[in-house]
Amino acid sequence: MPEPRETPEGQACIEKWIAVSMAKLNAVDGSPEFNARKPWSINQYGVLEGAPFGPHSAHAPDDFPQHGNNKYWWMWDAWVPTGALGAWTYPEWNTAGIESVPSFVLKCLGSS
């Protein structure tokens, strides 16, 4: 049985996570540095980017090959809170209520 990230429906849910999460993140009034980097977006590799002052990545993450060079697999593993008590490292992500990709996708698939 394929992983949710491998199915067209799961990948559509990951794209929905990007849209929902970036809208939430860009609506947060964070630190001056955070706000100066808006709008936040996810690039073709699944990496967070900010404009106009970065971060920017013209290259895939170092561990992209270990994820089959697949944006959805990489995001599935990368966008999960790893801080204390399952919190995001960046306070604005917690303030915005950003959900992990796996959690969001499983809920999305359950409602479709």
C-alpha atoms as a PDB file:
ATOM      1  CA  MET A   1       0.000   0.000   0.000  1.00  0.00           C
ATOM      2  CA  PRO A   2       1.498   3.366  -0.965  1.00  0.00           C
ATOM      3  CA  GLU A   3       2.346   6.015   1.589  1.00  0.00           C
ATOM      4  CA  PRO A   4      -0.064   8.992   1.562  1.00  0.00           C
ATOM      5  CA  ARG A   5       2.717  11.222   0.191  1.00  0.00           C
ATOM      6  CA  GLU A   6       2.990   8.899  -2.827  1.00  0.00           C
ATOM      7  CA  THR A   7      -0.639   9.167  -3.938  1.00  0.00           C
ATOM      8  CA  PRO A   8      -2.103  11.917  -6.128  1.00  0.00           C
ATOM      9  CA  GLU A   9      -4.615  12.674  -3.352  1.00  0.00           C
ATOM     10  CA  GLY A  10      -1.862  12.888  -0.726  1.00  0.00           C
ATOM     11  CA  GLN A  11       0.248  15.135  -2.933  1.00  0.00           C
ATOM     12  CA  ALA A  12      -2.762  17.398  -3.500  1.00  0.00           C
ATOM     13  CA  CYS A  13      -3.126  17.602   0.291  1.00  0.00           C
ATOM     14  CA  ILE A  14       0.551  18.572   0.609  1.00  0.00           C
ATOM     15  CA  GLU A  15      -0.032  21.349  -1.927  1.00  0.00           C
ATOM     16  CA  LYS A  16      -3.026  22.413   0.173  1.00  0.00           C
ATOM     17  CA  TRP A  17      -0.757  22.391   3.282  1.00  0.00           C
ATOM     18  CA  ILE A  18       1.592  24.757   1.443  1.00  0.00           C
ATOM     19  CA  ALA A  19      -1.234  27.165   0.575  1.00  0.00           C
ATOM     20  CA  VAL A  20      -2.855  27.079   4.025  1.00  0.00           C
ATOM     21  CA  SER A  21       0.398  27.193   5.985  1.00  0.00           C
ATOM     22  CA  MET A  22       1.991  30.006   3.985  1.00  0.00           C
ATOM     23  CA  ALA A  23      -1.217  32.075   4.262  1.00  0.00           C
ATOM     24  CA  LYS A  24      -1.155  31.581   8.045  1.00  0.00           C
ATOM     25  CA  LEU A  25       2.556  32.325   8.264  1.00  0.00           C
ATOM     26  CA  ASN A  26       2.302  35.480   6.188  1.00  0.00           C
ATOM     27  CA  ALA A  27      -0.594  36.698   8.376  1.00  0.00           C
ATOM     28  CA  VAL A  28       1.438  36.447  11.607  1.00  0.00           C
ATOM     29  CA  ASP A  29       2.949  39.599  13.060  1.00  0.00           C
ATOM     30  CA  GLY A  30       6.309  38.193  14.084  1.00  0.00           C
ATOM     31  CA  SER A  31       9.722  39.598  14.866  1.00  0.00           C
ATOM     32  CA  PRO A  32      11.017  42.479  12.727  1.00  0.00           C
ATOM     33  CA  GLU A  33      13.409  40.079  10.969  1.00  0.00           C
ATOM     34  CA  PHE A  34      10.605  37.564  10.322  1.00  0.00           C
ATOM     35  CA  ASN A  35       8.272  40.248   8.978  1.00  0.00           C
ATOM     36  CA  ALA A  36      11.000  41.712   6.728  1.00  0.00           C
ATOM     37  CA  ARG A  37      11.293  38.364   4.950  1.00  0.00           C
ATOM     38  CA  LYS A  38       7.635  38.156   3.943  1.00  0.00           C
ATOM     39  CA  PRO A  39       6.114  36.846   1.850  1.00  0.00           C
ATOM     40  CA  TRP A  40       7.138  33.347   2.882  1.00  0.00           C
ATOM     41  CA  SER A  41       6.756  30.554   0.335  1.00  0.00           C
ATOM     42  CA  ILE A  42       7.758  26.964  -0.364  1.00  0.00           C
ATOM     43  CA  ASN A  43       9.983  26.414  -3.391  1.00  0.00           C
ATOM     44  CA  GLN A  44      10.079  23.568  -5.930  1.00  0.00           C
ATOM     45  CA  TYR A  45      12.078  21.405  -3.511  1.00  0.00           C
ATOM     46  CA  GLY A  46       9.745  21.933  -0.559  1.00  0.00           C
ATOM     47  CA  VAL A  47      12.119  24.386   1.142  1.00  0.00           C
ATOM     48  CA  LEU A  48      10.935  27.542   2.914  1.00  0.00           C
ATOM     49  CA  GLU A  49      11.938  30.779   1.227  1.00  0.00           C
ATOM     50  CA  GLY A  50      11.524  34.396   2.216  1.00  0.00           C
ATOM     51  CA  ALA A  51      11.582  37.489   0.085  1.00  0.00           C
ATOM     52  CA  PRO A  52      13.326  39.784  -0.472  1.00  0.00           C
ATOM     53  CA  PHE A  53      16.007  39.002   2.134  1.00  0.00           C
ATOM     54  CA  GLY A  54      15.952  35.218   2.094  1.00  0.00           C
ATOM     55  CA  PRO A  55      16.457  32.516   2.910  1.00  0.00           C
ATOM     56  CA  HIS A  56      16.607  31.344  -0.698  1.00  0.00           C
ATOM     57  CA  SER A  57      17.763  28.051  -2.109  1.00  0.00           C
ATOM     58  CA  ALA A  58      18.644  27.491  -5.741  1.00  0.00           C
ATOM     59  CA  HIS A  59      19.552  23.891  -4.938  1.00  0.00           C
ATOM     60  CA  ALA A  60      17.794  20.878  -3.494  1.00  0.00           C
ATOM     61  CA  PRO A  61      18.416  20.024   0.176  1.00  0.00           C
ATOM     62  CA  ASP A  62      21.480  17.869   0.834  1.00  0.00           C
ATOM     63  CA  ASP A  63      19.301  14.889   1.773  1.00  0.00           C
ATOM     64  CA  PHE A  64      17.011  15.223  -1.272  1.00  0.00           C
ATOM     65  CA  PRO A  65      18.524  12.144  -3.006  1.00  0.00           C
ATOM     66  CA  GLN A  66      17.728  10.051   0.100  1.00  0.00           C
ATOM     67  CA  HIS A  67      14.102  11.050  -0.495  1.00  0.00           C
ATOM     68  CA  GLY A  68      14.148   9.872  -4.104  1.00  0.00           C
ATOM     69  CA  ASN A  69      14.500  13.498  -5.270  1.00  0.00           C
ATOM     70  CA  ASN A  70      10.818  13.782  -4.394  1.00  0.00           C
ATOM     71  CA  LYS A  71       9.536  17.080  -2.997  1.00  0.00           C
ATOM     72  CA  TYR A  72       6.548  15.430  -1.300  1.00  0.00           C
ATOM     73  CA  TRP A  73       8.589  12.737   0.455  1.00  0.00           C
ATOM     74  CA  TRP A  74      11.144  15.330   1.592  1.00  0.00           C
ATOM     75  CA  MET A  75       8.407  17.628   2.935  1.00  0.00           C
ATOM     76  CA  TRP A  76       6.699  14.699   4.687  1.00  0.00           C
ATOM     77  CA  ASP A  77       9.899  14.116   6.684  1.00  0.00           C
ATOM     78  CA  ALA A  78      11.089  17.728   7.003  1.00  0.00           C
ATOM     79  CA  TRP A  79       8.027  19.722   8.034  1.00  0.00           C
ATOM     80  CA  VAL A  80       7.418  18.128  11.423  1.00  0.00           C
ATOM     81  CA  PRO A  81       7.918  20.060  14.693  1.00  0.00           C
ATOM     82  CA  THR A  82      11.020  18.835  16.523  1.00  0.00           C
ATOM     83  CA  GLY A  83      11.190  21.227  19.464  1.00  0.00           C
ATOM     84  CA  ALA A  84      10.121  20.700  23.054  1.00  0.00           C
ATOM     85  CA  LEU A  85       6.680  19.131  23.362  1.00  0.00           C
ATOM     86  CA  GLY A  86       6.284  18.944  19.601  1.00  0.00           C
ATOM     87  CA  ALA A  87       6.667  22.680  19.038  1.00  0.00           C
ATOM     88  CA  TRP A  88       8.212  24.292  15.988  1.00  0.00           C
ATOM     89  CA  THR A  89      11.684  25.772  16.451  1.00  0.00           C
ATOM     90  CA  TYR A  90      10.466  29.117  15.103  1.00  0.00           C
ATOM     91  CA  PRO A  91       7.962  30.879  17.388  1.00  0.00           C
ATOM     92  CA  GLU A  92       6.012  32.375  14.483  1.00  0.00           C
ATOM     93  CA  TRP A  93       5.173  28.870  13.229  1.00  0.00           C
ATOM     94  CA  ASN A  94       3.671  28.057  16.624  1.00  0.00           C
ATOM     95  CA  THR A  95       1.795  31.381  16.746  1.00  0.00           C
ATOM     96  CA  ALA A  96       0.417  30.752  13.251  1.00  0.00           C
ATOM     97  CA  GLY A  97      -0.771  27.273  14.232  1.00  0.00           C
ATOM     98  CA  ILE A  98       1.131  25.513  11.463  1.00  0.00           C
ATOM     99  CA  GLU A  99       0.402  21.794  11.522  1.00  0.00           C
ATOM    100  CA  SER A 100       2.954  19.140  10.557  1.00  0.00           C
ATOM    101  CA  VAL A 101       2.685  17.876   6.988  1.00  0.00           C
ATOM    102  CA  PRO A 102       1.848  14.272   8.007  1.00  0.00           C
ATOM    103  CA  SER A 103      -0.874  15.375  10.425  1.00  0.00           C
ATOM    104  CA  PHE A 104      -2.395  17.818   7.945  1.00  0.00           C
ATOM    105  CA  VAL A 105      -2.323  15.295   5.083  1.00  0.00           C
ATOM    106  CA  LEU A 106      -3.910  12.488   7.102  1.00  0.00           C
ATOM    107  CA  LYS A 107      -6.736  14.823   8.189  1.00  0.00           C
ATOM    108  CA  CYS A 108      -7.099  16.109   4.626  1.00  0.00           C
ATOM    109  CA  LEU A 109      -7.362  12.573   3.251  1.00  0.00           C
ATOM    110  CA  GLY A 110      -9.870  11.618   5.940  1.00  0.00           C
ATOM    111  CA  SER A 111     -12.134  14.491   4.948  1.00  0.00           C
ATOM    112  CA  SER A 112     -11.978  13.884   1.211  1.00  0.00           C
END
